[in-house]
């Protein structure tokens, strides 16, 4: 929605329900899934859905933006929960999952070039913070570069035959100090 005013509580709840339902539907049935199914699963009418998301593209972009926000927020949770090295490794596993499971969403939202750059910066920032903490703790090699690390994970994701192989390949990376 173009307004900068915050949504009413019920409108925000409906928007959140729609995003959650759309994420599930698109994950199960692809980005071409019927939007009626999204509204039905969210427990709202089609008119409510179209008030929030006038086009399929608007909904796809919002869902992908939400997925990126969740991935990046996960970095903060991991930072608070464990060792810097483990936090970095777990976030990279989540990034790998994101690349694998959100590919169609990312492609569907790729026309949003300004937003795409923003999403990329967010993910880079999340990984960078975790990497720098792991470096300060002496848990990883000091010469690791965050862009190289994310490129490596992308390469593993593209090259692996399945999830198990991707996990094995990621575990082979020598990033220890």
Protein backbone atom coordinates (compact mmCIF):
# COMPACT_ATOMS: atom_id res chain seq x y z
CA UNK A 1 0.00 0.00 0.00
CA UNK A 2 1.29 3.46 -0.85
CA UNK A 3 0.24 5.20 2.36
CA UNK A 4 2.83 5.90 5.02
CA UNK A 5 0.25 5.75 7.79
CA UNK A 6 0.35 2.64 9.95
CA UNK A 7 -2.42 0.15 9.32
CA UNK A 8 -5.26 -0.31 11.77
CA UNK A 9 -4.76 -3.38 13.95
CA UNK A 10 -7.36 -5.47 12.06
CA UNK A 11 -5.92 -4.44 8.69
CA UNK A 12 -2.39 -5.33 9.86
CA UNK A 13 -3.65 -8.69 11.12
CA UNK A 14 -5.27 -9.40 7.73
CA UNK A 15 -2.11 -8.38 5.91
CA UNK A 16 -0.02 -10.67 8.13
CA UNK A 17 -2.47 -13.54 7.59
CA UNK A 18 -2.31 -13.01 3.83
CA UNK A 19 1.49 -12.98 3.80
CA UNK A 20 1.71 -16.16 5.86
CA UNK A 21 -0.91 -17.92 3.72
CA UNK A 22 0.73 -16.76 0.49
CA UNK A 23 4.13 -18.01 1.65
CA UNK A 24 2.64 -21.46 2.33
CA UNK A 25 0.64 -21.58 -0.90
CA UNK A 26 3.55 -20.43 -3.07
CA UNK A 27 5.88 -22.92 -1.36
CA UNK A 28 3.42 -25.77 -1.99
CA UNK A 29 2.05 -24.87 -5.41
CA UNK A 30 4.47 -22.38 -6.95
CA UNK A 31 4.20 -18.69 -7.65
CA UNK A 32 1.40 -19.23 -10.19
CA UNK A 33 -0.90 -20.73 -7.53
CA UNK A 34 -4.45 -19.38 -7.51
CA UNK A 35 -4.79 -16.24 -5.42
CA UNK A 36 -8.26 -17.40 -4.34
CA UNK A 37 -6.44 -20.14 -2.43
CA UNK A 38 -4.30 -17.55 -0.64
CA UNK A 39 -7.37 -15.57 0.47
CA UNK A 40 -9.18 -18.76 1.53
CA UNK A 41 -6.26 -19.98 3.65
CA UNK A 42 -5.84 -16.56 5.21
CA UNK A 43 -9.52 -16.61 6.15
CA UNK A 44 -10.29 -13.36 4.33
CA UNK A 45 -12.26 -12.44 1.25
CA UNK A 46 -10.71 -11.76 -2.13
CA UNK A 47 -11.60 -8.07 -1.83
CA UNK A 48 -9.55 -7.81 1.36
CA UNK A 49 -6.61 -9.49 -0.37
CA UNK A 50 -6.79 -7.14 -3.36
CA UNK A 51 -7.05 -4.09 -1.09
CA UNK A 52 -3.70 -5.06 0.42
CA UNK A 53 -2.13 -6.50 -2.72
CA UNK A 54 -3.76 -5.19 -5.92
CA UNK A 55 -1.70 -7.49 -8.17
CA UNK A 56 -0.05 -10.90 -7.97
CA UNK A 57 3.26 -9.11 -8.37
CA UNK A 58 2.54 -6.95 -5.30
CA UNK A 59 1.86 -10.06 -3.25
CA UNK A 60 4.93 -11.91 -4.53
CA UNK A 61 7.18 -8.95 -3.75
CA UNK A 62 5.69 -8.59 -0.26
CA UNK A 63 6.11 -12.31 0.48
CA UNK A 64 9.71 -12.30 -0.71
CA UNK A 65 10.46 -9.14 1.28
CA UNK A 66 9.02 -10.84 4.36
CA UNK A 67 11.14 -13.96 3.74
CA UNK A 68 14.30 -11.84 3.46
CA UNK A 69 13.38 -9.95 6.64
CA UNK A 70 12.91 -13.24 8.50
CA UNK A 71 16.25 -14.56 7.26
CA UNK A 72 18.04 -11.39 8.35
CA UNK A 73 16.26 -11.28 11.72
CA UNK A 74 17.49 -14.83 12.26
CA UNK A 75 21.03 -13.48 12.37
CA UNK A 76 20.20 -11.50 15.50
CA UNK A 77 18.58 -14.51 17.16
CA UNK A 78 21.58 -16.69 16.35
CA UNK A 79 24.00 -14.04 17.57
CA UNK A 80 22.33 -14.08 20.97
CA UNK A 81 22.04 -17.86 21.20
CA UNK A 82 25.45 -19.37 20.68
CA UNK A 83 29.08 -19.20 19.70
CA UNK A 84 29.92 -16.78 16.88
CA UNK A 85 31.22 -19.61 14.66
CA UNK A 86 28.11 -21.73 15.16
CA UNK A 87 25.86 -18.70 14.63
CA UNK A 88 27.59 -17.95 11.32
CA UNK A 89 27.46 -21.56 10.17
CA UNK A 90 23.77 -21.92 11.06
CA UNK A 91 22.89 -18.66 9.30
CA UNK A 92 24.75 -19.84 6.20
CA UNK A 93 22.68 -23.07 6.32
CA UNK A 94 19.54 -20.93 6.51
CA UNK A 95 20.81 -18.80 3.62
CA UNK A 96 21.35 -21.99 1.64
CA UNK A 97 17.75 -23.04 2.42
CA UNK A 98 16.56 -19.59 1.40
CA UNK A 99 18.35 -19.87 -1.94
CA UNK A 100 16.88 -23.30 -2.55
CA UNK A 101 13.31 -22.78 -1.43
CA UNK A 102 12.75 -19.12 -2.32
CA UNK A 103 14.25 -19.20 -5.81
CA UNK A 104 10.91 -18.91 -7.63
CA UNK A 105 9.82 -16.06 -5.35
CA UNK A 106 13.10 -14.23 -5.96
CA UNK A 107 12.72 -14.66 -9.71
CA UNK A 108 9.10 -13.51 -9.59
CA UNK A 109 10.14 -10.40 -7.67
CA UNK A 110 13.25 -9.71 -9.77
CA UNK A 111 11.59 -6.83 -11.65
CA UNK A 112 11.85 -4.86 -8.39
CA UNK A 113 15.48 -3.92 -9.01
CA UNK A 114 15.66 -1.25 -6.28
CA UNK A 115 14.13 -3.63 -3.76
CA UNK A 116 16.38 -6.44 -4.97
CA UNK A 117 19.43 -4.30 -4.20
CA UNK A 118 17.95 -3.51 -0.77
CA UNK A 119 17.34 -7.21 -0.06
CA UNK A 120 20.85 -8.08 -1.15
CA UNK A 121 22.30 -5.39 1.15
CA UNK A 122 20.20 -6.73 4.05
CA UNK A 123 21.44 -10.28 3.59
CA UNK A 124 25.01 -9.06 3.12
CA UNK A 125 24.72 -7.02 6.32
CA UNK A 126 23.35 -9.94 8.32
CA UNK A 127 26.13 -12.26 7.16
CA UNK A 128 28.76 -9.57 7.59
CA UNK A 129 27.83 -8.95 11.21
CA UNK A 130 28.03 -12.65 12.03
CA UNK A 131 31.32 -13.07 10.17
CA UNK A 132 32.93 -10.10 11.93
CA UNK A 133 31.90 -11.43 15.33
CA UNK A 134 33.35 -14.84 14.48
CA UNK A 135 36.58 -13.18 13.35
CA UNK A 136 36.82 -11.15 16.59
CA UNK A 137 36.31 -14.34 18.59
CA UNK A 138 39.10 -16.02 16.62
CA UNK A 139 36.65 -18.70 15.45
CA UNK A 140 37.19 -18.22 11.71
CA UNK A 141 40.02 -17.22 9.42
CA UNK A 142 40.72 -13.51 9.44
CA UNK A 143 40.99 -13.39 5.66
CA UNK A 144 37.40 -14.51 5.01
CA UNK A 145 35.41 -12.03 2.95
CA UNK A 146 31.64 -11.97 3.36
CA UNK A 147 30.99 -11.62 -0.39
CA UNK A 148 33.22 -14.61 -1.11
CA UNK A 149 31.48 -16.62 1.59
CA UNK A 150 27.99 -15.88 0.21
CA UNK A 151 29.16 -16.60 -3.33
CA UNK A 152 30.56 -19.92 -2.13
CA UNK A 153 27.24 -20.85 -0.51
CA UNK A 154 25.40 -19.87 -3.70
CA UNK A 155 27.76 -22.08 -5.69
CA UNK A 156 27.25 -25.01 -3.34
CA UNK A 157 23.49 -24.56 -3.58
CA UNK A 158 23.56 -24.54 -7.37
CA UNK A 159 25.99 -27.45 -7.70
CA UNK A 160 24.59 -29.85 -5.11
CA UNK A 161 22.37 -32.66 -6.28
CA UNK A 162 20.25 -32.49 -3.12
CA UNK A 163 20.01 -31.02 0.35
CA UNK A 164 22.21 -33.69 1.94
CA UNK A 165 25.02 -33.09 -0.52
CA UNK A 166 24.75 -29.33 -0.02
CA UNK A 167 25.11 -29.84 3.75
CA UNK A 168 28.18 -32.06 3.23
CA UNK A 169 29.77 -29.55 0.87
CA UNK A 170 29.17 -26.69 3.28
CA UNK A 171 30.76 -28.70 6.10
CA UNK A 172 33.90 -29.18 3.97
CA UNK A 173 34.58 -25.46 3.81
CA UNK A 174 37.71 -24.68 5.84
CA UNK A 175 36.94 -21.41 7.50
CA UNK A 176 38.34 -22.17 10.90
CA UNK A 177 41.07 -19.96 12.35
